[in-house]
Amino acid sequence: MAKGTTTIVTMTGFAEYARIFPGNMDDGDFHAKTQGSYNLNFYPEDNAGFEEYFKAGVPVASMGYDTIKIGNPELATGKYLKLKRPNVHQLVADWGGAPAVFDFREGLGMKKWDMALDGEVGNGSKVIAKVSVWTDGNKSIQRLEKIAVLELVEYDGSSQGSSVDMDNF
């Protein structure tokens, strides 16, 4: 059995391209092995979020790619982390599926977000992200556990406010 340790990291920041519900899961071909992925670009509101994430054991780069990505300069520091969770985990069923999403717009609580009633989480929404970071020596696995919406920017289906310039794509 793998040894290692798990650290829970909680960060406040802003969401972009939040595909965190079964109704908007990322089911592209790239995620065929896990039958889809729940993910978002997460912009920590300050550098302390990045520091906490790396302090938990996440590498600064993996397989030649930087963990911190340059994105939308209008969101926090303009840099983001790709947070994700598989739809179907290959080894442990409980490690897959949609992350728990909570509605904290009226304060802390256990009110679950309902995509049908509350809508999708749009680019620039302020959220709290909870991520588990498992480390064992040089190995590190990160998994998005929960999201809490503090301030909603309603999803409108446009790419406005995104880090992708669709005119020059």
C-alpha atoms as a PDB file:
ATOM      1  CA  MET A   1       0.000   0.000   0.000  1.00  0.00           C
ATOM      2  CA  ALA A   2       1.236   3.494  -0.830  1.00  0.00           C
ATOM      3  CA  LYS A   3       2.472   5.492   2.098  1.00  0.00           C
ATOM      4  CA  GLY A   4       2.599   9.212   1.462  1.00  0.00           C
ATOM      5  CA  THR A   5       0.674  12.001   3.110  1.00  0.00           C
ATOM      6  CA  THR A   6      -2.356  14.022   2.114  1.00  0.00           C
ATOM      7  CA  THR A   7      -2.633  17.746   2.761  1.00  0.00           C
ATOM      8  CA  ILE A   8      -5.831  19.709   2.208  1.00  0.00           C
ATOM      9  CA  VAL A   9      -5.248  23.145   0.690  1.00  0.00           C
ATOM     10  CA  THR A  10      -8.010  25.764   0.795  1.00  0.00           C
ATOM     11  CA  MET A  11      -7.634  28.845  -1.409  1.00  0.00           C
ATOM     12  CA  THR A  12      -9.837  31.822  -2.256  1.00  0.00           C
ATOM     13  CA  GLY A  13      -9.765  33.166  -5.778  1.00  0.00           C
ATOM     14  CA  PHE A  14     -11.597  33.392  -9.082  1.00  0.00           C
ATOM     15  CA  ALA A  15     -12.950  30.760 -11.462  1.00  0.00           C
ATOM     16  CA  GLU A  16     -12.601  30.600 -15.218  1.00  0.00           C
ATOM     17  CA  TYR A  17     -14.061  27.900 -17.475  1.00  0.00           C
ATOM     18  CA  ALA A  18     -15.640  26.105 -14.514  1.00  0.00           C
ATOM     19  CA  ARG A  19     -16.740  22.657 -15.703  1.00  0.00           C
ATOM     20  CA  ILE A  20     -17.659  21.363 -12.271  1.00  0.00           C
ATOM     21  CA  PHE A  21     -21.139  19.887 -12.744  1.00  0.00           C
ATOM     22  CA  PRO A  22     -22.314  16.701 -14.492  1.00  0.00           C
ATOM     23  CA  GLY A  23     -24.240  18.954 -16.910  1.00  0.00           C
ATOM     24  CA  ASN A  24     -21.119  20.788 -18.111  1.00  0.00           C
ATOM     25  CA  MET A  25     -18.341  18.238 -17.496  1.00  0.00           C
ATOM     26  CA  ASP A  26     -15.344  18.343 -19.838  1.00  0.00           C
ATOM     27  CA  ASP A  27     -15.899  15.193 -21.898  1.00  0.00           C
ATOM     28  CA  GLY A  28     -13.343  15.829 -24.621  1.00  0.00           C
ATOM     29  CA  ASP A  29     -11.375  12.968 -26.185  1.00  0.00           C
ATOM     30  CA  PHE A  30      -8.382  13.855 -23.999  1.00  0.00           C
ATOM     31  CA  HIS A  31     -10.386  12.626 -20.976  1.00  0.00           C
ATOM     32  CA  ALA A  32     -11.592   9.340 -22.503  1.00  0.00           C
ATOM     33  CA  LYS A  33      -9.672   7.214 -19.971  1.00  0.00           C
ATOM     34  CA  THR A  34     -11.527   8.831 -17.042  1.00  0.00           C
ATOM     35  CA  GLN A  35     -14.805   9.232 -18.972  1.00  0.00           C
ATOM     36  CA  GLY A  36     -14.572  12.990 -18.507  1.00  0.00           C
ATOM     37  CA  SER A  37     -13.063  15.535 -16.147  1.00  0.00           C
ATOM     38  CA  TYR A  38     -14.363  18.203 -13.803  1.00  0.00           C
ATOM     39  CA  ASN A  39     -12.003  21.163 -13.956  1.00  0.00           C
ATOM     40  CA  LEU A  40     -11.505  24.894 -13.846  1.00  0.00           C
ATOM     41  CA  ASN A  41      -8.835  27.514 -14.218  1.00  0.00           C
ATOM     42  CA  PHE A  42      -8.394  28.823 -10.681  1.00  0.00           C
ATOM     43  CA  TYR A  43      -6.827  32.246 -10.072  1.00  0.00           C
ATOM     44  CA  PRO A  44      -5.739  32.542  -6.411  1.00  0.00           C
ATOM     45  CA  GLU A  45      -6.554  36.047  -5.194  1.00  0.00           C
ATOM     46  CA  ASP A  46      -2.935  36.598  -4.142  1.00  0.00           C
ATOM     47  CA  ASN A  47       0.443  34.872  -4.131  1.00  0.00           C
ATOM     48  CA  ALA A  48      -0.266  33.279  -0.740  1.00  0.00           C
ATOM     49  CA  GLY A  49      -2.581  30.816  -2.529  1.00  0.00           C
ATOM     50  CA  PHE A  50       0.242  29.674  -4.805  1.00  0.00           C
ATOM     51  CA  GLU A  51       2.642  29.442  -1.863  1.00  0.00           C
ATOM     52  CA  GLU A  52       0.249  27.251   0.149  1.00  0.00           C
ATOM     53  CA  TYR A  53      -0.319  24.981  -2.867  1.00  0.00           C
ATOM     54  CA  PHE A  54       3.408  24.430  -3.441  1.00  0.00           C
ATOM     55  CA  LYS A  55       4.129  24.115   0.286  1.00  0.00           C
ATOM     56  CA  ALA A  56       1.751  21.107   0.296  1.00  0.00           C
ATOM     57  CA  GLY A  57       4.099  19.333  -2.130  1.00  0.00           C
ATOM     58  CA  VAL A  58       2.869  20.229  -5.609  1.00  0.00           C
ATOM     59  CA  PRO A  59       5.795  20.550  -8.037  1.00  0.00           C
ATOM     60  CA  VAL A  60       6.434  23.926  -9.674  1.00  0.00           C
ATOM     61  CA  ALA A  61       6.634  22.093 -13.019  1.00  0.00           C
ATOM     62  CA  SER A  62       5.573  18.643 -14.158  1.00  0.00           C
ATOM     63  CA  MET A  63       6.586  16.792 -17.317  1.00  0.00           C
ATOM     64  CA  GLY A  64       8.109  19.999 -18.690  1.00  0.00           C
ATOM     65  CA  TYR A  65       5.041  22.196 -18.071  1.00  0.00           C
ATOM     66  CA  ASP A  66       4.815  24.966 -15.478  1.00  0.00           C
ATOM     67  CA  THR A  67       2.114  24.458 -12.857  1.00  0.00           C
ATOM     68  CA  ILE A  68       1.323  28.189 -12.830  1.00  0.00           C
ATOM     69  CA  LYS A  69      -0.170  29.309 -16.142  1.00  0.00           C
ATOM     70  CA  ILE A  70      -0.429  32.866 -17.487  1.00  0.00           C
ATOM     71  CA  GLY A  71      -4.057  33.791 -18.089  1.00  0.00           C
ATOM     72  CA  ASN A  72      -6.507  36.656 -17.837  1.00  0.00           C
ATOM     73  CA  PRO A  73      -4.736  39.754 -16.441  1.00  0.00           C
ATOM     74  CA  GLU A  74      -8.064  41.055 -15.115  1.00  0.00           C
ATOM     75  CA  LEU A  75      -8.435  38.153 -12.661  1.00  0.00           C
ATOM     76  CA  ALA A  76      -6.393  38.478  -9.452  1.00  0.00           C
ATOM     77  CA  THR A  77      -2.671  38.118 -10.302  1.00  0.00           C
ATOM     78  CA  GLY A  78      -3.390  37.090 -13.903  1.00  0.00           C
ATOM     79  CA  LYS A  79      -1.966  33.617 -13.194  1.00  0.00           C
ATOM     80  CA  TYR A  80      -3.898  30.412 -12.624  1.00  0.00           C
ATOM     81  CA  LEU A  81      -3.725  26.775 -11.601  1.00  0.00           C
ATOM     82  CA  LYS A  82      -5.617  24.076 -13.486  1.00  0.00           C
ATOM     83  CA  LEU A  83      -7.640  22.256 -10.804  1.00  0.00           C
ATOM     84  CA  LYS A  84      -9.268  18.993 -11.823  1.00  0.00           C
ATOM     85  CA  ARG A  85     -10.985  15.806 -10.728  1.00  0.00           C
ATOM     86  CA  PRO A  86     -11.662  12.723 -12.883  1.00  0.00           C
ATOM     87  CA  ASN A  87     -15.218  11.647 -13.583  1.00  0.00           C
ATOM     88  CA  VAL A  88     -14.204   7.997 -13.062  1.00  0.00           C
ATOM     89  CA  HIS A  89     -11.062   7.292 -11.045  1.00  0.00           C
ATOM     90  CA  GLN A  90      -9.199   4.234 -12.307  1.00  0.00           C
ATOM     91  CA  LEU A  91      -8.471   2.800  -8.827  1.00  0.00           C
ATOM     92  CA  VAL A  92     -10.813   4.241  -6.195  1.00  0.00           C
ATOM     93  CA  ALA A  93     -14.439   5.026  -7.103  1.00  0.00           C
ATOM     94  CA  ASP A  94     -14.815   7.682  -4.364  1.00  0.00           C
ATOM     95  CA  TRP A  95     -11.977   9.706  -5.889  1.00  0.00           C
ATOM     96  CA  GLY A  96     -13.981  10.377  -9.036  1.00  0.00           C
ATOM     97  CA  GLY A  97     -17.217  12.183  -9.795  1.00  0.00           C
ATOM     98  CA  ALA A  98     -18.200  15.807  -9.564  1.00  0.00           C
ATOM     99  CA  PRO A  99     -16.728  17.907  -6.760  1.00  0.00           C
ATOM    100  CA  ALA A 100     -19.122  19.098  -4.076  1.00  0.00           C
ATOM    101  CA  VAL A 101     -20.250  22.646  -4.903  1.00  0.00           C
ATOM    102  CA  PHE A 102     -21.682  24.902  -2.205  1.00  0.00           C
ATOM    103  CA  ASP A 103     -23.489  28.249  -2.225  1.00  0.00           C
ATOM    104  CA  PHE A 104     -21.773  30.675   0.178  1.00  0.00           C
ATOM    105  CA  ARG A 105     -23.300  33.818  -1.352  1.00  0.00           C
ATOM    106  CA  GLU A 106     -25.320  34.392   1.831  1.00  0.00           C
ATOM    107  CA  GLY A 107     -22.613  33.203   4.217  1.00  0.00           C
ATOM    108  CA  LEU A 108     -20.917  29.963   5.200  1.00  0.00           C
ATOM    109  CA  GLY A 109     -23.151  26.923   5.348  1.00  0.00           C
ATOM    110  CA  MET A 110     -23.974  23.566   3.862  1.00  0.00           C
ATOM    111  CA  LYS A 111     -26.300  24.821   1.091  1.00  0.00           C
ATOM    112  CA  LYS A 112     -25.495  22.839  -2.062  1.00  0.00           C
ATOM    113  CA  TRP A 113     -25.306  24.607  -5.412  1.00  0.00           C
ATOM    114  CA  ASP A 114     -28.024  23.555  -7.850  1.00  0.00           C
ATOM    115  CA  MET A 115     -26.923  24.160 -11.440  1.00  0.00           C
ATOM    116  CA  ALA A 116     -30.534  24.003 -12.690  1.00  0.00           C
ATOM    117  CA  LEU A 117     -31.670  26.729 -10.263  1.00  0.00           C
ATOM    118  CA  ASP A 118     -28.490  28.717  -9.576  1.00  0.00           C
ATOM    119  CA  GLY A 119     -26.913  28.438 -13.036  1.00  0.00           C
ATOM    120  CA  GLU A 120     -23.382  27.742 -14.150  1.00  0.00           C
ATOM    121  CA  VAL A 121     -20.405  29.420 -12.507  1.00  0.00           C
ATOM    122  CA  GLY A 122     -19.226  32.105 -14.923  1.00  0.00           C
ATOM    123  CA  ASN A 123     -15.757  33.498 -15.559  1.00  0.00           C
ATOM    124  CA  GLY A 124     -14.676  35.817 -12.746  1.00  0.00           C
ATOM    125  CA  SER A 125     -16.877  34.246 -10.051  1.00  0.00           C
ATOM    126  CA  LYS A 126     -15.219  34.462  -6.631  1.00  0.00           C
ATOM    127  CA  VAL A 127     -14.876  30.998  -5.110  1.00  0.00           C
ATOM    128  CA  ILE A 128     -13.155  28.994  -2.423  1.00  0.00           C
ATOM    129  CA  ALA A 129     -11.417  25.876  -3.759  1.00  0.00           C
ATOM    130  CA  LYS A 130     -10.471  22.924  -1.576  1.00  0.00           C
ATOM    131  CA  VAL A 131      -7.842  20.611  -3.076  1.00  0.00           C
ATOM    132  CA  SER A 132      -6.274  17.442  -1.689  1.00  0.00           C
ATOM    133  CA  VAL A 133      -2.560  17.056  -2.357  1.00  0.00           C
ATOM    134  CA  TRP A 134      -1.074  13.578  -1.884  1.00  0.00           C
ATOM    135  CA  THR A 135       2.723  13.334  -1.847  1.00  0.00           C
ATOM    136  CA  ASP A 136       5.165  10.465  -1.494  1.00  0.00           C
ATOM    137  CA  GLY A 137       8.770  11.409  -2.202  1.00  0.00           C
ATOM    138  CA  ASN A 138       8.880  12.923  -5.688  1.00  0.00           C
ATOM    139  CA  LYS A 139       5.296  11.883  -6.510  1.00  0.00           C
ATOM    140  CA  SER A 140       2.390  14.289  -6.133  1.00  0.00           C
ATOM    141  CA  ILE A 141      -1.292  13.934  -7.026  1.00  0.00           C
ATOM    142  CA  GLN A 142      -3.749  16.800  -6.739  1.00  0.00           C
ATOM    143  CA  ARG A 143      -7.537  16.430  -6.750  1.00  0.00           C
ATOM    144  CA  LEU A 144     -10.233  19.107  -6.652  1.00  0.00           C
ATOM    145  CA  GLU A 145     -12.485  18.253  -3.705  1.00  0.00           C
ATOM    146  CA  LYS A 146     -14.929  21.127  -3.196  1.00  0.00           C
ATOM    147  CA  ILE A 147     -15.897  24.538  -4.516  1.00  0.00           C
ATOM    148  CA  ALA A 148     -17.862  27.194  -2.636  1.00  0.00           C
ATOM    149  CA  VAL A 149     -19.269  30.125  -4.613  1.00  0.00           C
ATOM    150  CA  LEU A 150     -18.877  33.436  -2.766  1.00  0.00           C
ATOM    151  CA  GLU A 151     -19.830  35.837  -5.570  1.00  0.00           C
ATOM    152  CA  LEU A 152     -21.419  34.668  -8.814  1.00  0.00           C
ATOM    153  CA  VAL A 153     -20.694  36.107 -12.213  1.00  0.00           C
ATOM    154  CA  GLU A 154     -23.456  34.603 -14.299  1.00  0.00           C
ATOM    155  CA  TYR A 155     -22.363  32.398 -17.168  1.00  0.00           C
ATOM    156  CA  ASP A 156     -23.518  33.901 -20.465  1.00  0.00           C
ATOM    157  CA  GLY A 157     -21.954  31.497 -22.974  1.00  0.00           C
ATOM    158  CA  SER A 158     -19.516  34.049 -24.386  1.00  0.00           C
ATOM    159  CA  SER A 159     -15.747  33.934 -24.148  1.00  0.00           C
ATOM    160  CA  GLN A 160     -15.754  37.483 -22.728  1.00  0.00           C
ATOM    161  CA  GLY A 161     -13.466  37.711 -19.712  1.00  0.00           C
ATOM    162  CA  SER A 162     -11.627  34.540 -20.671  1.00  0.00           C
ATOM    163  CA  SER A 163      -7.900  34.114 -21.112  1.00  0.00           C
ATOM    164  CA  VAL A 164      -8.334  32.989 -24.721  1.00  0.00           C
ATOM    165  CA  ASP A 165      -8.366  35.669 -27.432  1.00  0.00           C
ATOM    166  CA  MET A 166     -10.902  34.108 -29.794  1.00  0.00           C
ATOM    167  CA  ASP A 167     -10.181  36.685 -32.522  1.00  0.00           C
ATOM    168  CA  ASN A 168      -6.575  35.510 -32.741  1.00  0.00           C
ATOM    169  CA  PHE A 169      -7.150  31.862 -31.902  1.00  0.00           C
END
